[in-house]
Amino acid sequence: MAQPPKFRILSPESALRRARPDPSSTPSQSQAPFQSPTTSHSPPTTTTATSSSTPKSTPNPRSSFSPFSRLRNYYSTLPRPFRLAFRTIGAVAPIVPIGLYFSEYVGQLLLVNGPSMTPYLNEDYDIMHTKKDIVLVKMWPGLSAFRWGQRKMRIERGMLVLFPSPGNPDNVAIKRVIGLPGDRITTREPCAKPSQIVPFNHVWVEGDNPKKSLDSNTYGPVSISLISGRVMAVVWPRFRWLNWEEWESGDVDGGRFGEGYLAEVRERVEKGAVELQKPFLI
């Protein structure tokens, strides 16, 4: 009677060694695989990828749709004059905001029209109406709304200031400050009152040519909050700085307009006739 087979219990290490293939028993890659003698002599069919096959096209990020690339292509098809015009616009466009900011908050050049300030401005207006002065204006944008802005403005008698014309707000008027808040002004025609006190936060303005000027004698005192700038100099036709301090002495522009220029205007002003206090606003 045959004896049953005996089983031997192996340790885990021995089991791993037996399960690991022997490298000497594995065929090398250089040896051809064993073929059974019963197989046919026809060569085996294998599917191999050749290098001559067409590679897959990878998406190019530059060739993807982009509005800027289309604009560049369209720009390249334009004629040369049009391309030159677009380049000029591109060079000038960044300068425009800077110029607007400068003219609104720093200074600007203005052309003086009309005879209201002759002979100080447009002195040859009676001879040649087409000859006009170009003045340099220092801008005060909204400074009167702040206390520090009012100190910076420092409006004084004799200054030439800029404000919207009451008759036509689209135009700008240039007049001389005659009276400050608290001054008593002896008015002239067409003002109905013989005299008037300049109220708080207002100034009295007049033109140097009273016969051809619409000023505070017509529309009353002007609010300081409307004043947007001060004339600093005449740029053309003859450059000269305008010194408002000469107004009190009458020696205006080195006495070029005669001794005691507009002395009768200064005599109509009683300085500090009334002491004004800032109103209390709730």
C-alpha atoms as a PDB file:
ATOM      1  CA  MET A   1       0.000   0.000   0.000  1.00  0.00           C
ATOM      2  CA  ALA A   2       1.388   3.368  -1.095  1.00  0.00           C
ATOM      3  CA  GLN A   3       2.174   5.847   1.589  1.00  0.00           C
ATOM      4  CA  PRO A   4       0.588   9.318   1.372  1.00  0.00           C
ATOM      5  CA  PRO A   5       2.961  12.133   0.351  1.00  0.00           C
ATOM      6  CA  LYS A   6       4.621  14.007   3.101  1.00  0.00           C
ATOM      7  CA  PHE A   7       4.334  17.798   3.224  1.00  0.00           C
ATOM      8  CA  ARG A   8       7.060  19.963   4.618  1.00  0.00           C
ATOM      9  CA  ILE A   9       6.313  23.322   6.147  1.00  0.00           C
ATOM     10  CA  LEU A  10       8.680  26.013   4.840  1.00  0.00           C
ATOM     11  CA  SER A  11       9.618  29.191   6.553  1.00  0.00           C
ATOM     12  CA  PRO A  12       8.538  32.477   4.910  1.00  0.00           C
ATOM     13  CA  GLU A  13      12.142  33.226   3.798  1.00  0.00           C
ATOM     14  CA  SER A  14      12.453  29.832   2.101  1.00  0.00           C
ATOM     15  CA  ALA A  15       9.099  30.292   0.407  1.00  0.00           C
ATOM     16  CA  LEU A  16      10.207  33.675  -0.991  1.00  0.00           C
ATOM     17  CA  ARG A  17      13.484  32.228  -2.277  1.00  0.00           C
ATOM     18  CA  ARG A  18      11.664  29.396  -4.041  1.00  0.00           C
ATOM     19  CA  ALA A  19       9.091  31.776  -5.525  1.00  0.00           C
ATOM     20  CA  ARG A  20      11.801  34.199  -6.864  1.00  0.00           C
ATOM     21  CA  PRO A  21      12.848  33.206 -10.433  1.00  0.00           C
ATOM     22  CA  ASP A  22      16.410  32.150 -11.049  1.00  0.00           C
ATOM     23  CA  PRO A  23      18.181  34.725 -13.315  1.00  0.00           C
ATOM     24  CA  SER A  24      20.391  32.022 -14.845  1.00  0.00           C
ATOM     25  CA  SER A  25      17.351  30.090 -16.048  1.00  0.00           C
ATOM     26  CA  THR A  26      15.680  33.084 -17.846  1.00  0.00           C
ATOM     27  CA  PRO A  27      16.577  33.471 -21.537  1.00  0.00           C
ATOM     28  CA  SER A  28      18.528  36.578 -22.529  1.00  0.00           C
ATOM     29  CA  GLN A  29      16.970  39.271 -24.664  1.00  0.00           C
ATOM     30  CA  SER A  30      19.506  38.609 -27.437  1.00  0.00           C
ATOM     31  CA  GLN A  31      18.326  34.975 -27.819  1.00  0.00           C
ATOM     32  CA  ALA A  32      15.453  34.375 -30.163  1.00  0.00           C
ATOM     33  CA  PRO A  33      12.299  33.032 -28.609  1.00  0.00           C
ATOM     34  CA  PHE A  34      11.836  29.267 -28.837  1.00  0.00           C
ATOM     35  CA  GLN A  35       9.580  28.166 -31.657  1.00  0.00           C
ATOM     36  CA  SER A  36       7.802  24.900 -31.713  1.00  0.00           C
ATOM     37  CA  PRO A  37       8.835  22.582 -34.554  1.00  0.00           C
ATOM     38  CA  THR A  38       5.210  22.051 -35.399  1.00  0.00           C
ATOM     39  CA  THR A  39       4.740  25.667 -36.440  1.00  0.00           C
ATOM     40  CA  SER A  40       4.704  26.661 -40.088  1.00  0.00           C
ATOM     41  CA  HIS A  41       7.715  28.165 -41.825  1.00  0.00           C
ATOM     42  CA  SER A  42       5.867  31.406 -42.600  1.00  0.00           C
ATOM     43  CA  PRO A  43       7.321  34.368 -40.724  1.00  0.00           C
ATOM     44  CA  PRO A  44       5.272  35.568 -37.815  1.00  0.00           C
ATOM     45  CA  THR A  45       3.198  38.630 -38.365  1.00  0.00           C
ATOM     46  CA  THR A  46       4.175  41.465 -36.096  1.00  0.00           C
ATOM     47  CA  THR A  47       2.802  44.964 -35.929  1.00  0.00           C
ATOM     48  CA  THR A  48       5.567  47.475 -35.367  1.00  0.00           C
ATOM     49  CA  ALA A  49       5.309  51.260 -35.536  1.00  0.00           C
ATOM     50  CA  THR A  50       7.542  52.715 -38.214  1.00  0.00           C
ATOM     51  CA  SER A  51       9.256  56.026 -37.957  1.00  0.00           C
ATOM     52  CA  SER A  52       7.701  57.114 -41.249  1.00  0.00           C
ATOM     53  CA  SER A  53       4.245  57.310 -39.716  1.00  0.00           C
ATOM     54  CA  THR A  54       2.702  60.818 -39.476  1.00  0.00           C
ATOM     55  CA  PRO A  55       3.147  62.289 -35.977  1.00  0.00           C
ATOM     56  CA  LYS A  56       0.201  63.694 -34.136  1.00  0.00           C
ATOM     57  CA  SER A  57      -0.101  67.495 -34.354  1.00  0.00           C
ATOM     58  CA  THR A  58       0.166  69.192 -30.982  1.00  0.00           C
ATOM     59  CA  PRO A  59      -1.849  72.380 -30.420  1.00  0.00           C
ATOM     60  CA  ASN A  60       0.258  75.527 -30.647  1.00  0.00           C
ATOM     61  CA  PRO A  61      -0.757  78.157 -28.088  1.00  0.00           C
ATOM     62  CA  ARG A  62       0.338  80.956 -30.441  1.00  0.00           C
ATOM     63  CA  SER A  63      -1.898  79.664 -33.237  1.00  0.00           C
ATOM     64  CA  SER A  64      -4.964  79.610 -31.001  1.00  0.00           C
ATOM     65  CA  PHE A  65      -7.637  82.228 -31.484  1.00  0.00           C
ATOM     66  CA  SER A  66      -6.643  85.641 -30.128  1.00  0.00           C
ATOM     67  CA  PRO A  67      -8.252  89.009 -30.933  1.00  0.00           C
ATOM     68  CA  PHE A  68      -4.853  90.687 -30.760  1.00  0.00           C
ATOM     69  CA  SER A  69      -3.398  88.361 -33.378  1.00  0.00           C
ATOM     70  CA  ARG A  70      -6.310  89.099 -35.669  1.00  0.00           C
ATOM     71  CA  LEU A  71      -5.813  92.819 -35.127  1.00  0.00           C
ATOM     72  CA  ARG A  72      -2.117  92.484 -35.911  1.00  0.00           C
ATOM     73  CA  ASN A  73      -2.906  90.631 -39.106  1.00  0.00           C
ATOM     74  CA  TYR A  74      -5.473  93.253 -40.067  1.00  0.00           C
ATOM     75  CA  TYR A  75      -3.036  96.060 -39.206  1.00  0.00           C
ATOM     76  CA  SER A  76      -0.356  94.534 -41.460  1.00  0.00           C
ATOM     77  CA  THR A  77      -2.757  94.643 -44.420  1.00  0.00           C
ATOM     78  CA  LEU A  78      -3.455  98.378 -44.050  1.00  0.00           C
ATOM     79  CA  PRO A  79      -1.742 100.891 -46.341  1.00  0.00           C
ATOM     80  CA  ARG A  80       1.300 102.711 -45.031  1.00  0.00           C
ATOM     81  CA  PRO A  81      -0.468 106.101 -44.412  1.00  0.00           C
ATOM     82  CA  PHE A  82      -3.058 104.403 -42.223  1.00  0.00           C
ATOM     83  CA  ARG A  83      -0.404 102.546 -40.236  1.00  0.00           C
ATOM     84  CA  LEU A  84       1.490 105.806 -39.728  1.00  0.00           C
ATOM     85  CA  ALA A  85      -1.696 107.498 -38.499  1.00  0.00           C
ATOM     86  CA  PHE A  86      -2.352 104.704 -36.002  1.00  0.00           C
ATOM     87  CA  ARG A  87       1.219 104.945 -34.705  1.00  0.00           C
ATOM     88  CA  THR A  88       0.849 108.693 -34.239  1.00  0.00           C
ATOM     89  CA  ILE A  89      -2.386 108.218 -32.313  1.00  0.00           C
ATOM     90  CA  GLY A  90      -0.754 105.585 -30.119  1.00  0.00           C
ATOM     91  CA  ALA A  91       2.106 107.952 -29.309  1.00  0.00           C
ATOM     92  CA  VAL A  92      -0.132 110.947 -28.572  1.00  0.00           C
ATOM     93  CA  ALA A  93      -2.862 109.119 -26.626  1.00  0.00           C
ATOM     94  CA  PRO A  94      -0.854 108.792 -23.346  1.00  0.00           C
ATOM     95  CA  ILE A  95       0.006 112.508 -23.446  1.00  0.00           C
ATOM     96  CA  VAL A  96      -3.612 113.697 -23.624  1.00  0.00           C
ATOM     97  CA  PRO A  97      -4.590 112.774 -20.011  1.00  0.00           C
ATOM     98  CA  ILE A  98      -1.402 114.406 -18.723  1.00  0.00           C
ATOM     99  CA  GLY A  99      -2.200 117.586 -20.631  1.00  0.00           C
ATOM    100  CA  LEU A 100      -5.779 117.625 -19.361  1.00  0.00           C
ATOM    101  CA  TYR A 101      -4.635 117.144 -15.777  1.00  0.00           C
ATOM    102  CA  PHE A 102      -2.039 119.916 -16.140  1.00  0.00           C
ATOM    103  CA  SER A 103      -4.522 122.394 -17.630  1.00  0.00           C
ATOM    104  CA  GLU A 104      -7.155 121.604 -14.992  1.00  0.00           C
ATOM    105  CA  TYR A 105      -5.033 121.534 -11.835  1.00  0.00           C
ATOM    106  CA  VAL A 106      -1.740 123.316 -12.586  1.00  0.00           C
ATOM    107  CA  GLY A 107      -1.941 126.008 -15.229  1.00  0.00           C
ATOM    108  CA  GLN A 108      -3.156 126.839 -18.695  1.00  0.00           C
ATOM    109  CA  LEU A 109      -2.888 129.431 -21.437  1.00  0.00           C
ATOM    110  CA  LEU A 110      -5.944 131.524 -22.266  1.00  0.00           C
ATOM    111  CA  LEU A 111      -6.763 133.950 -25.049  1.00  0.00           C
ATOM    112  CA  VAL A 112      -8.192 137.236 -23.743  1.00  0.00           C
ATOM    113  CA  ASN A 113     -11.181 138.540 -25.688  1.00  0.00           C
ATOM    114  CA  GLY A 114     -12.893 141.899 -25.380  1.00  0.00           C
ATOM    115  CA  PRO A 115     -11.971 145.380 -24.144  1.00  0.00           C
ATOM    116  CA  SER A 116     -13.042 145.100 -20.483  1.00  0.00           C
ATOM    117  CA  MET A 117      -9.446 144.936 -19.169  1.00  0.00           C
ATOM    118  CA  THR A 118      -7.821 147.473 -21.507  1.00  0.00           C
ATOM    119  CA  PRO A 119      -5.252 148.941 -21.356  1.00  0.00           C
ATOM    120  CA  TYR A 120      -3.812 146.436 -18.849  1.00  0.00           C
ATOM    121  CA  LEU A 121      -4.766 143.513 -21.117  1.00  0.00           C
ATOM    122  CA  ASN A 122      -5.380 143.845 -24.850  1.00  0.00           C
ATOM    123  CA  GLU A 123      -3.873 147.332 -24.720  1.00  0.00           C
ATOM    124  CA  ASP A 124      -4.084 147.745 -28.503  1.00  0.00           C
ATOM    125  CA  TYR A 125      -7.692 146.583 -28.712  1.00  0.00           C
ATOM    126  CA  ASP A 126      -9.011 150.022 -29.747  1.00  0.00           C
ATOM    127  CA  ILE A 127      -6.542 150.126 -32.649  1.00  0.00           C
ATOM    128  CA  MET A 128      -6.598 146.476 -33.722  1.00  0.00           C
ATOM    129  CA  HIS A 129      -9.516 144.343 -32.525  1.00  0.00           C
ATOM    130  CA  THR A 130      -7.923 141.151 -33.839  1.00  0.00           C
ATOM    131  CA  LYS A 131      -4.827 141.503 -31.645  1.00  0.00           C
ATOM    132  CA  LYS A 132      -5.416 139.584 -28.405  1.00  0.00           C
ATOM    133  CA  ASP A 133      -3.250 138.790 -25.405  1.00  0.00           C
ATOM    134  CA  ILE A 134      -2.387 135.260 -24.330  1.00  0.00           C
ATOM    135  CA  VAL A 135      -2.120 134.947 -20.545  1.00  0.00           C
ATOM    136  CA  LEU A 136      -0.781 132.272 -18.195  1.00  0.00           C
ATOM    137  CA  VAL A 137      -3.288 131.261 -15.517  1.00  0.00           C
ATOM    138  CA  LYS A 138      -2.463 129.421 -12.303  1.00  0.00           C
ATOM    139  CA  MET A 139      -5.395 127.107 -11.584  1.00  0.00           C
ATOM    140  CA  TRP A 140      -7.140 126.784  -8.191  1.00  0.00           C
ATOM    141  CA  PRO A 141      -9.472 123.785  -8.679  1.00  0.00           C
ATOM    142  CA  GLY A 142     -11.893 123.658  -5.759  1.00  0.00           C
ATOM    143  CA  LEU A 143      -9.399 125.000  -3.207  1.00  0.00           C
ATOM    144  CA  SER A 144     -11.915 127.396  -1.665  1.00  0.00           C
ATOM    145  CA  ALA A 145     -13.838 124.440  -0.219  1.00  0.00           C
ATOM    146  CA  PHE A 146     -11.007 123.808   2.269  1.00  0.00           C
ATOM    147  CA  ARG A 147      -9.462 126.101   4.848  1.00  0.00           C
ATOM    148  CA  TRP A 148      -5.923 125.247   3.739  1.00  0.00           C
ATOM    149  CA  GLY A 149      -7.042 125.902   0.172  1.00  0.00           C
ATOM    150  CA  GLN A 150      -8.261 129.372   1.068  1.00  0.00           C
ATOM    151  CA  ARG A 151      -4.879 130.152   2.598  1.00  0.00           C
ATOM    152  CA  LYS A 152      -3.163 128.898  -0.532  1.00  0.00           C
ATOM    153  CA  MET A 153      -5.385 131.004  -2.769  1.00  0.00           C
ATOM    154  CA  ARG A 154      -4.731 134.150  -0.709  1.00  0.00           C
ATOM    155  CA  ILE A 155      -6.871 136.460  -2.794  1.00  0.00           C
ATOM    156  CA  GLU A 156      -5.750 140.084  -2.513  1.00  0.00           C
ATOM    157  CA  ARG A 157      -6.871 143.395  -3.975  1.00  0.00           C
ATOM    158  CA  GLY A 158      -5.398 144.002  -7.394  1.00  0.00           C
ATOM    159  CA  MET A 159      -5.279 140.353  -8.463  1.00  0.00           C
ATOM    160  CA  LEU A 160      -6.681 139.313 -11.824  1.00  0.00           C
ATOM    161  CA  VAL A 161      -8.872 136.279 -11.202  1.00  0.00           C
ATOM    162  CA  LEU A 162     -10.712 133.779 -13.349  1.00  0.00           C
ATOM    163  CA  PHE A 163     -14.353 132.705 -12.836  1.00  0.00           C
ATOM    164  CA  PRO A 164     -17.356 131.603 -14.941  1.00  0.00           C
ATOM    165  CA  SER A 165     -19.119 134.536 -16.528  1.00  0.00           C
ATOM    166  CA  PRO A 166     -22.519 135.108 -14.838  1.00  0.00           C
ATOM    167  CA  GLY A 167     -23.993 136.111 -18.192  1.00  0.00           C
ATOM    168  CA  ASN A 168     -22.747 132.957 -19.938  1.00  0.00           C
ATOM    169  CA  PRO A 169     -21.322 130.229 -17.666  1.00  0.00           C
ATOM    170  CA  ASP A 170     -19.754 128.508 -20.674  1.00  0.00           C
ATOM    171  CA  ASN A 171     -17.353 131.449 -20.986  1.00  0.00           C
ATOM    172  CA  VAL A 172     -14.671 132.528 -18.524  1.00  0.00           C
ATOM    173  CA  ALA A 173     -14.348 136.096 -17.229  1.00  0.00           C
ATOM    174  CA  ILE A 174     -11.111 137.798 -16.155  1.00  0.00           C
ATOM    175  CA  LYS A 175     -11.554 140.720 -13.753  1.00  0.00           C
ATOM    176  CA  ARG A 176      -9.561 142.573 -11.121  1.00  0.00           C
ATOM    177  CA  VAL A 177     -10.341 142.105  -7.426  1.00  0.00           C
ATOM    178  CA  ILE A 178     -11.290 145.526  -6.006  1.00  0.00           C
ATOM    179  CA  GLY A 179     -12.795 144.645  -2.620  1.00  0.00           C
ATOM    180  CA  LEU A 180     -12.496 141.813  -0.094  1.00  0.00           C
ATOM    181  CA  PRO A 181     -15.065 140.553   2.435  1.00  0.00           C
ATOM    182  CA  GLY A 182     -15.982 143.368   4.820  1.00  0.00           C
ATOM    183  CA  ASP A 183     -14.991 146.228   2.475  1.00  0.00           C
ATOM    184  CA  ARG A 184     -17.490 148.948   1.633  1.00  0.00           C
ATOM    185  CA  ILE A 185     -17.574 149.718  -2.086  1.00  0.00           C
ATOM    186  CA  THR A 186     -18.898 152.946  -3.548  1.00  0.00           C
ATOM    187  CA  THR A 187     -20.616 151.551  -6.590  1.00  0.00           C
ATOM    188  CA  ARG A 188     -21.068 153.023 -10.037  1.00  0.00           C
ATOM    189  CA  GLU A 189     -23.688 152.600 -12.710  1.00  0.00           C
ATOM    190  CA  PRO A 190     -25.641 150.474 -13.395  1.00  0.00           C
ATOM    191  CA  CYS A 191     -25.641 149.337  -9.726  1.00  0.00           C
ATOM    192  CA  ALA A 192     -28.827 150.501  -7.971  1.00  0.00           C
ATOM    193  CA  LYS A 193     -27.188 150.958  -4.526  1.00  0.00           C
ATOM    194  CA  PRO A 194     -24.817 153.861  -3.875  1.00  0.00           C
ATOM    195  CA  SER A 195     -22.607 151.607  -1.740  1.00  0.00           C
ATOM    196  CA  GLN A 196     -22.424 147.960  -0.809  1.00  0.00           C
ATOM    197  CA  ILE A 197     -20.665 145.803   1.780  1.00  0.00           C
ATOM    198  CA  VAL A 198     -18.834 142.820   0.317  1.00  0.00           C
ATOM    199  CA  PRO A 199     -20.355 139.776   2.079  1.00  0.00           C
ATOM    200  CA  PHE A 200     -18.508 136.854   3.605  1.00  0.00           C
ATOM    201  CA  ASN A 201     -16.683 134.561   1.164  1.00  0.00           C
ATOM    202  CA  HIS A 202     -17.210 137.010  -1.716  1.00  0.00           C
ATOM    203  CA  VAL A 203     -15.110 139.556  -3.604  1.00  0.00           C
ATOM    204  CA  TRP A 204     -15.917 142.662  -5.610  1.00  0.00           C
ATOM    205  CA  VAL A 205     -14.483 142.552  -9.130  1.00  0.00           C
ATOM    206  CA  GLU A 206     -14.299 145.189 -11.842  1.00  0.00           C
ATOM    207  CA  GLY A 207     -12.715 145.655 -15.240  1.00  0.00           C
ATOM    208  CA  ASP A 208     -10.004 148.240 -15.862  1.00  0.00           C
ATOM    209  CA  ASN A 209     -12.149 149.759 -18.627  1.00  0.00           C
ATOM    210  CA  PRO A 210     -15.321 150.780 -16.752  1.00  0.00           C
ATOM    211  CA  LYS A 211     -17.172 151.970 -19.868  1.00  0.00           C
ATOM    212  CA  LYS A 212     -16.915 148.553 -21.539  1.00  0.00           C
ATOM    213  CA  SER A 213     -17.007 146.148 -18.620  1.00  0.00           C
ATOM    214  CA  LEU A 214     -19.716 143.948 -17.134  1.00  0.00           C
ATOM    215  CA  ASP A 215     -18.584 143.364 -13.556  1.00  0.00           C
ATOM    216  CA  SER A 216     -19.817 143.409  -9.955  1.00  0.00           C
ATOM    217  CA  ASN A 217     -21.597 146.718 -10.608  1.00  0.00           C
ATOM    218  CA  THR A 218     -23.865 144.678 -12.884  1.00  0.00           C
ATOM    219  CA  TYR A 219     -24.125 141.226 -11.275  1.00  0.00           C
ATOM    220  CA  GLY A 220     -22.942 141.924  -7.711  1.00  0.00           C
ATOM    221  CA  PRO A 221     -20.166 140.317  -5.629  1.00  0.00           C
ATOM    222  CA  VAL A 222     -18.646 137.062  -6.865  1.00  0.00           C
ATOM    223  CA  SER A 223     -18.374 134.014  -4.616  1.00  0.00           C
ATOM    224  CA  ILE A 224     -14.800 132.958  -3.890  1.00  0.00           C
ATOM    225  CA  SER A 225     -15.826 129.352  -4.531  1.00  0.00           C
ATOM    226  CA  LEU A 226     -16.357 130.263  -8.203  1.00  0.00           C
ATOM    227  CA  ILE A 227     -12.810 131.550  -8.663  1.00  0.00           C
ATOM    228  CA  SER A 228     -10.804 128.908 -10.516  1.00  0.00           C
ATOM    229  CA  GLY A 229      -7.457 130.620 -11.051  1.00  0.00           C
ATOM    230  CA  ARG A 230      -5.293 133.742 -11.098  1.00  0.00           C
ATOM    231  CA  VAL A 231      -3.570 135.392 -14.040  1.00  0.00           C
ATOM    232  CA  MET A 232       0.180 135.182 -13.501  1.00  0.00           C
ATOM    233  CA  ALA A 233       1.697 136.638 -16.671  1.00  0.00           C
ATOM    234  CA  VAL A 234       1.078 137.857 -20.198  1.00  0.00           C
ATOM    235  CA  VAL A 235       2.782 135.451 -22.592  1.00  0.00           C
ATOM    236  CA  TRP A 236       2.035 137.174 -25.912  1.00  0.00           C
ATOM    237  CA  PRO A 237       2.541 139.629 -27.636  1.00  0.00           C
ATOM    238  CA  ARG A 238       4.880 141.025 -24.983  1.00  0.00           C
ATOM    239  CA  PHE A 239       5.851 138.758 -22.107  1.00  0.00           C
ATOM    240  CA  ARG A 240       5.568 140.314 -18.658  1.00  0.00           C
ATOM    241  CA  TRP A 241       4.820 139.105 -15.149  1.00  0.00           C
ATOM    242  CA  LEU A 242       1.757 140.608 -13.456  1.00  0.00           C
ATOM    243  CA  ASN A 243       2.471 141.868  -9.941  1.00  0.00           C
ATOM    244  CA  TRP A 244      -0.733 142.454  -8.015  1.00  0.00           C
ATOM    245  CA  GLU A 245       1.159 144.291  -5.232  1.00  0.00           C
ATOM    246  CA  GLU A 246       1.652 147.248  -7.594  1.00  0.00           C
ATOM    247  CA  TRP A 247      -2.080 147.907  -7.486  1.00  0.00           C
ATOM    248  CA  GLU A 248      -2.050 149.549  -4.057  1.00  0.00           C
ATOM    249  CA  SER A 249       0.776 151.949  -4.959  1.00  0.00           C
ATOM    250  CA  GLY A 250      -0.618 152.774  -8.393  1.00  0.00           C
ATOM    251  CA  ASP A 251       2.770 152.151 -10.020  1.00  0.00           C
ATOM    252  CA  VAL A 252       1.407 149.427 -12.279  1.00  0.00           C
ATOM    253  CA  ASP A 253       3.836 147.756 -14.685  1.00  0.00           C
ATOM    254  CA  GLY A 254       6.583 150.243 -13.900  1.00  0.00           C
ATOM    255  CA  GLY A 255       4.346 153.269 -14.478  1.00  0.00           C
ATOM    256  CA  ARG A 256       3.774 152.358 -18.115  1.00  0.00           C
ATOM    257  CA  PHE A 257       0.089 153.287 -17.828  1.00  0.00           C
ATOM    258  CA  GLY A 258       0.759 156.604 -16.121  1.00  0.00           C
ATOM    259  CA  GLU A 259       1.113 157.733 -12.516  1.00  0.00           C
ATOM    260  CA  GLY A 260      -1.637 156.660 -10.142  1.00  0.00           C
ATOM    261  CA  TYR A 261      -3.207 154.095 -12.466  1.00  0.00           C
ATOM    262  CA  LEU A 262      -6.958 153.905 -11.681  1.00  0.00           C
ATOM    263  CA  ALA A 263      -6.542 155.828  -8.429  1.00  0.00           C
ATOM    264  CA  GLU A 264     -10.264 156.731  -8.471  1.00  0.00           C
ATOM    265  CA  VAL A 265     -11.101 153.027  -8.221  1.00  0.00           C
ATOM    266  CA  ARG A 266      -9.010 152.545  -5.075  1.00  0.00           C
ATOM    267  CA  GLU A 267     -10.616 155.659  -3.535  1.00  0.00           C
ATOM    268  CA  ARG A 268     -14.040 154.010  -3.847  1.00  0.00           C
ATOM    269  CA  VAL A 269     -12.984 151.174  -1.525  1.00  0.00           C
ATOM    270  CA  GLU A 270     -13.220 151.504   2.278  1.00  0.00           C
ATOM    271  CA  LYS A 271     -11.106 148.641   3.545  1.00  0.00           C
ATOM    272  CA  GLY A 272     -12.387 146.597   6.473  1.00  0.00           C
ATOM    273  CA  ALA A 273     -15.458 148.765   7.031  1.00  0.00           C
ATOM    274  CA  VAL A 274     -17.301 145.853   8.650  1.00  0.00           C
ATOM    275  CA  GLU A 275     -15.810 142.990  10.635  1.00  0.00           C
ATOM    276  CA  LEU A 276     -17.309 139.805   9.305  1.00  0.00           C
ATOM    277  CA  GLN A 277     -17.372 136.483  11.106  1.00  0.00           C
ATOM    278  CA  LYS A 278     -17.624 133.090   9.544  1.00  0.00           C
ATOM    279  CA  PRO A 279     -21.254 131.935   9.787  1.00  0.00           C
ATOM    280  CA  PHE A 280     -21.965 128.965  12.028  1.00  0.00           C
ATOM    281  CA  LEU A 281     -23.534 126.155  10.030  1.00  0.00           C
ATOM    282  CA  ILE A 282     -25.417 123.378  11.793  1.00  0.00           C
END
